[in-house]
Amino acid sequence: MTDRDSKPDSSVQPNTVVIRLAEAHDLDAVARVHVRAWQYAFRAQIPDHVLDGLDAGKWAERWRELFGNPRLTLWVAVAAGEVIGFSTLLTPEPPASHPHELGALYVDPSHWRSGFGSALIRRAIDAAHGGGATQMTLWVLDTNITARRFYERAGFRCSGETRVVERSEYSRAEVRYLRHLGA
């Protein structure tokens, strides 16, 4: 989707999506989804020149660097043979003194509000819980109200903690969310 005012494409139904572990050949598509989602979701929250200058090829290189890290699990949502979203789970180093972290969750804007983000977050929550975690955390841009509401619907609650991420061309304030996973 190139126009913020366009309606998401609902032609692919959530029950036709496959959530699976990413493979090396998925990383270019993951980078494309990552860039498109940033350009759409963060417009007016991150400077336009930064968003317009995002390069999927460079992001794919970064994903290749991260791929295979034993502490990072990367899932992709695939519909009609196309990667349309992804999520990551960061596992703390033993001893697990920190909660598992949802490091990223992005869906191509043309598939927003179609259930794919919910399926991806459920997969990460289930994996964290299955790995023995009792809590899960994430950081979200403080001005990203849409994402914050999404995470709240998924059972996450704002902890009140904040941080500022400094980049060469901008900084962004983020808030931390936590979700208790039970025993």
Foldseek 3Di string as FASTA:
>chain_A
DPDLPDAAAQPFAPVQKDKDWDDLVCLLLALVQVLQQCLRQCVVPDDNVVSVPDDSVVSSVVVVVVPPPPQKTKIFIAHPRGGFWIWIWGQDDPVRPDAIETEDTTGRRSCPPRCPSVVRVVVNLVVRVVVVGQKYKYKDFPPRVVVVVVVVVVAKDFPPDKDWADDPRDITIITMIMHGNHD
